[in-house]
C-alpha atoms as a PDB file:
ATOM      1  CA  UNK A   1      -8.613  14.142  30.427  1.00  0.00           C
ATOM      2  CA  UNK A   2      -6.390  12.826  27.997  1.00  0.00           C
ATOM      3  CA  UNK A   3      -7.466  14.271  24.269  1.00  0.00           C
ATOM      4  CA  UNK A   4      -6.525  12.440  21.397  1.00  0.00           C
ATOM      5  CA  UNK A   5      -6.363  14.171  18.003  1.00  0.00           C
ATOM      6  CA  UNK A   6      -8.427  13.930  15.618  1.00  0.00           C
ATOM      7  CA  UNK A   7      -8.646  10.905  13.728  1.00  0.00           C
ATOM      8  CA  UNK A   8      -6.928  11.672  10.408  1.00  0.00           C
ATOM      9  CA  UNK A   9      -9.245  11.469   6.887  1.00  0.00           C
ATOM     10  CA  UNK A  10     -10.178   8.618   5.009  1.00  0.00           C
ATOM     11  CA  UNK A  11      -9.029  11.160   2.073  1.00  0.00           C
ATOM     12  CA  UNK A  12      -5.815  11.889   3.551  1.00  0.00           C
ATOM     13  CA  UNK A  13      -4.681   8.572   4.002  1.00  0.00           C
ATOM     14  CA  UNK A  14      -5.362   7.202   0.295  1.00  0.00           C
ATOM     15  CA  UNK A  15      -3.947  10.155  -1.426  1.00  0.00           C
ATOM     16  CA  UNK A  16      -0.917   9.285   0.405  1.00  0.00           C
ATOM     17  CA  UNK A  17      -1.046   5.869   0.412  1.00  0.00           C
ATOM     18  CA  UNK A  18      -1.718   6.327  -3.459  1.00  0.00           C
ATOM     19  CA  UNK A  19       1.490   8.327  -3.859  1.00  0.00           C
ATOM     20  CA  UNK A  20       4.255   6.174  -1.737  1.00  0.00           C
ATOM     21  CA  UNK A  21       2.548   2.692  -3.399  1.00  0.00           C
ATOM     22  CA  UNK A  22       3.288   4.884  -6.686  1.00  0.00           C
ATOM     23  CA  UNK A  23       6.431   5.552  -5.898  1.00  0.00           C
ATOM     24  CA  UNK A  24       7.263   2.222  -4.851  1.00  0.00           C
ATOM     25  CA  UNK A  25       5.920   0.777  -7.840  1.00  0.00           C
ATOM     26  CA  UNK A  26       7.936   3.584 -10.196  1.00  0.00           C
ATOM     27  CA  UNK A  27      11.303   1.938  -8.447  1.00  0.00           C
ATOM     28  CA  UNK A  28      11.355  -1.380  -8.965  1.00  0.00           C
ATOM     29  CA  UNK A  29      10.495  -0.725 -12.002  1.00  0.00           C
ATOM     30  CA  UNK A  30      13.599   1.069 -12.490  1.00  0.00           C
ATOM     31  CA  UNK A  31      14.789  -1.412 -10.507  1.00  0.00           C
ATOM     32  CA  UNK A  32      13.777  -4.268 -13.085  1.00  0.00           C
ATOM     33  CA  UNK A  33      14.855  -2.702 -16.522  1.00  0.00           C
ATOM     34  CA  UNK A  34      18.679  -3.574 -15.017  1.00  0.00           C
ATOM     35  CA  UNK A  35      18.351  -7.319 -14.253  1.00  0.00           C
ATOM     36  CA  UNK A  36      15.289  -7.882 -17.247  1.00  0.00           C
ATOM     37  CA  UNK A  37      12.932  -6.915 -19.643  1.00  0.00           C
ATOM     38  CA  UNK A  38      10.728  -9.698 -18.008  1.00  0.00           C
ATOM     39  CA  UNK A  39      11.638  -8.994 -14.937  1.00  0.00           C
ATOM     40  CA  UNK A  40      10.268  -5.698 -15.901  1.00  0.00           C
ATOM     41  CA  UNK A  41       7.143  -7.110 -17.173  1.00  0.00           C
ATOM     42  CA  UNK A  42       6.364  -9.259 -13.753  1.00  0.00           C
ATOM     43  CA  UNK A  43       6.948  -5.340 -11.338  1.00  0.00           C
ATOM     44  CA  UNK A  44       4.743  -3.366 -14.757  1.00  0.00           C
ATOM     45  CA  UNK A  45       1.579  -6.583 -13.846  1.00  0.00           C
ATOM     46  CA  UNK A  46       1.901  -5.857 -10.024  1.00  0.00           C
ATOM     47  CA  UNK A  47       1.502  -2.213 -10.921  1.00  0.00           C
ATOM     48  CA  UNK A  48      -2.162  -2.824 -13.190  1.00  0.00           C
ATOM     49  CA  UNK A  49      -3.561  -5.101 -10.126  1.00  0.00           C
ATOM     50  CA  UNK A  50      -2.469  -2.437  -7.702  1.00  0.00           C
ATOM     51  CA  UNK A  51      -3.369   0.535  -9.437  1.00  0.00           C
ATOM     52  CA  UNK A  52      -6.848  -0.998 -10.608  1.00  0.00           C
ATOM     53  CA  UNK A  53      -8.542   0.042  -7.703  1.00  0.00           C
ATOM     54  CA  UNK A  54      -9.619  -1.310  -4.397  1.00  0.00           C
ATOM     55  CA  UNK A  55     -11.107  -0.281  -1.362  1.00  0.00           C
ATOM     56  CA  UNK A  56      -8.047   0.419   0.600  1.00  0.00           C
ATOM     57  CA  UNK A  57      -9.309  -0.889   4.255  1.00  0.00           C
ATOM     58  CA  UNK A  58      -5.846  -3.084   5.335  1.00  0.00           C
ATOM     59  CA  UNK A  59      -4.097  -0.088   5.610  1.00  0.00           C
ATOM     60  CA  UNK A  60      -6.185   2.673   6.374  1.00  0.00           C
ATOM     61  CA  UNK A  61      -7.591   0.416   9.766  1.00  0.00           C
ATOM     62  CA  UNK A  62      -3.031   0.224   9.667  1.00  0.00           C
ATOM     63  CA  UNK A  63      -2.723   4.012   9.771  1.00  0.00           C
ATOM     64  CA  UNK A  64      -5.543   4.467  12.373  1.00  0.00           C
ATOM     65  CA  UNK A  65      -4.004   1.974  14.277  1.00  0.00           C
ATOM     66  CA  UNK A  66      -0.846   3.676  14.151  1.00  0.00           C
ATOM     67  CA  UNK A  67      -2.584   6.741  15.154  1.00  0.00           C
ATOM     68  CA  UNK A  68      -4.918   5.585  17.583  1.00  0.00           C
ATOM     69  CA  UNK A  69      -1.703   3.830  19.586  1.00  0.00           C
ATOM     70  CA  UNK A  70       0.760   6.448  19.062  1.00  0.00           C
ATOM     71  CA  UNK A  71      -1.508   9.518  20.627  1.00  0.00           C
ATOM     72  CA  UNK A  72      -0.632  11.501  16.976  1.00  0.00           C
ATOM     73  CA  UNK A  73      -2.065  12.481  13.263  1.00  0.00           C
ATOM     74  CA  UNK A  74       1.035  11.435  12.053  1.00  0.00           C
ATOM     75  CA  UNK A  75       0.249   8.553  10.180  1.00  0.00           C
ATOM     76  CA  UNK A  76       2.599   9.004   7.433  1.00  0.00           C
ATOM     77  CA  UNK A  77       5.424   7.514   9.611  1.00  0.00           C
ATOM     78  CA  UNK A  78       3.040   3.570   9.490  1.00  0.00           C
ATOM     79  CA  UNK A  79       2.537   3.985   5.783  1.00  0.00           C
ATOM     80  CA  UNK A  80       5.221   1.328   4.655  1.00  0.00           C
ATOM     81  CA  UNK A  81       4.192  -1.015   6.240  1.00  0.00           C
ATOM     82  CA  UNK A  82       0.335   0.135   5.394  1.00  0.00           C
ATOM     83  CA  UNK A  83       2.080  -0.761   1.502  1.00  0.00           C
ATOM     84  CA  UNK A  84       3.433  -4.041   2.764  1.00  0.00           C
ATOM     85  CA  UNK A  85      -0.300  -4.637   4.146  1.00  0.00           C
ATOM     86  CA  UNK A  86      -1.943  -4.489   0.634  1.00  0.00           C
ATOM     87  CA  UNK A  87       0.926  -5.614  -1.015  1.00  0.00           C
ATOM     88  CA  UNK A  88       0.636  -9.036   0.600  1.00  0.00           C
ATOM     89  CA  UNK A  89      -3.270  -8.947   0.056  1.00  0.00           C
ATOM     90  CA  UNK A  90      -3.600  -8.606  -3.140  1.00  0.00           C
ATOM     91  CA  UNK A  91      -0.206 -11.226  -3.540  1.00  0.00           C
ATOM     92  CA  UNK A  92      -2.836 -13.833  -1.731  1.00  0.00           C
ATOM     93  CA  UNK A  93      -6.024 -12.962  -3.862  1.00  0.00           C
ATOM     94  CA  UNK A  94      -3.506 -13.516  -7.356  1.00  0.00           C
ATOM     95  CA  UNK A  95      -2.155 -16.769  -5.574  1.00  0.00           C
ATOM     96  CA  UNK A  96      -5.836 -17.612  -5.028  1.00  0.00           C
ATOM     97  CA  UNK A  97      -6.178 -17.151  -7.760  1.00  0.00           C
ATOM     98  CA  UNK A  98      -3.885 -19.141  -9.510  1.00  0.00           C
ATOM     99  CA  UNK A  99      -4.992 -22.159  -7.553  1.00  0.00           C
ATOM    100  CA  UNK A 100      -8.192 -22.163  -8.616  1.00  0.00           C
ATOM    101  CA  UNK A 101      -7.306 -21.204 -12.060  1.00  0.00           C
END
């Protein structure tokens, strides 16, 4: 009988996802400061949108899918992809809001 590891808890994945997101945004804002204050403000706006809440269901599902197919609880390897999914999702929401005015 093949045994699968127990899935990681939502709270652990969410906490790690928030940490990775915070680090990513800090890096982007630091890089933007060197380019232009306008570019930095753009990243501040992105940070505001991303930090204003959300269930983070998409990144959680990606992390769980990774653990299921990789037969491991080491979901940390999937967090960069999970972050990309969350960024893309939020970008499409903002884009839709702009189109709808």
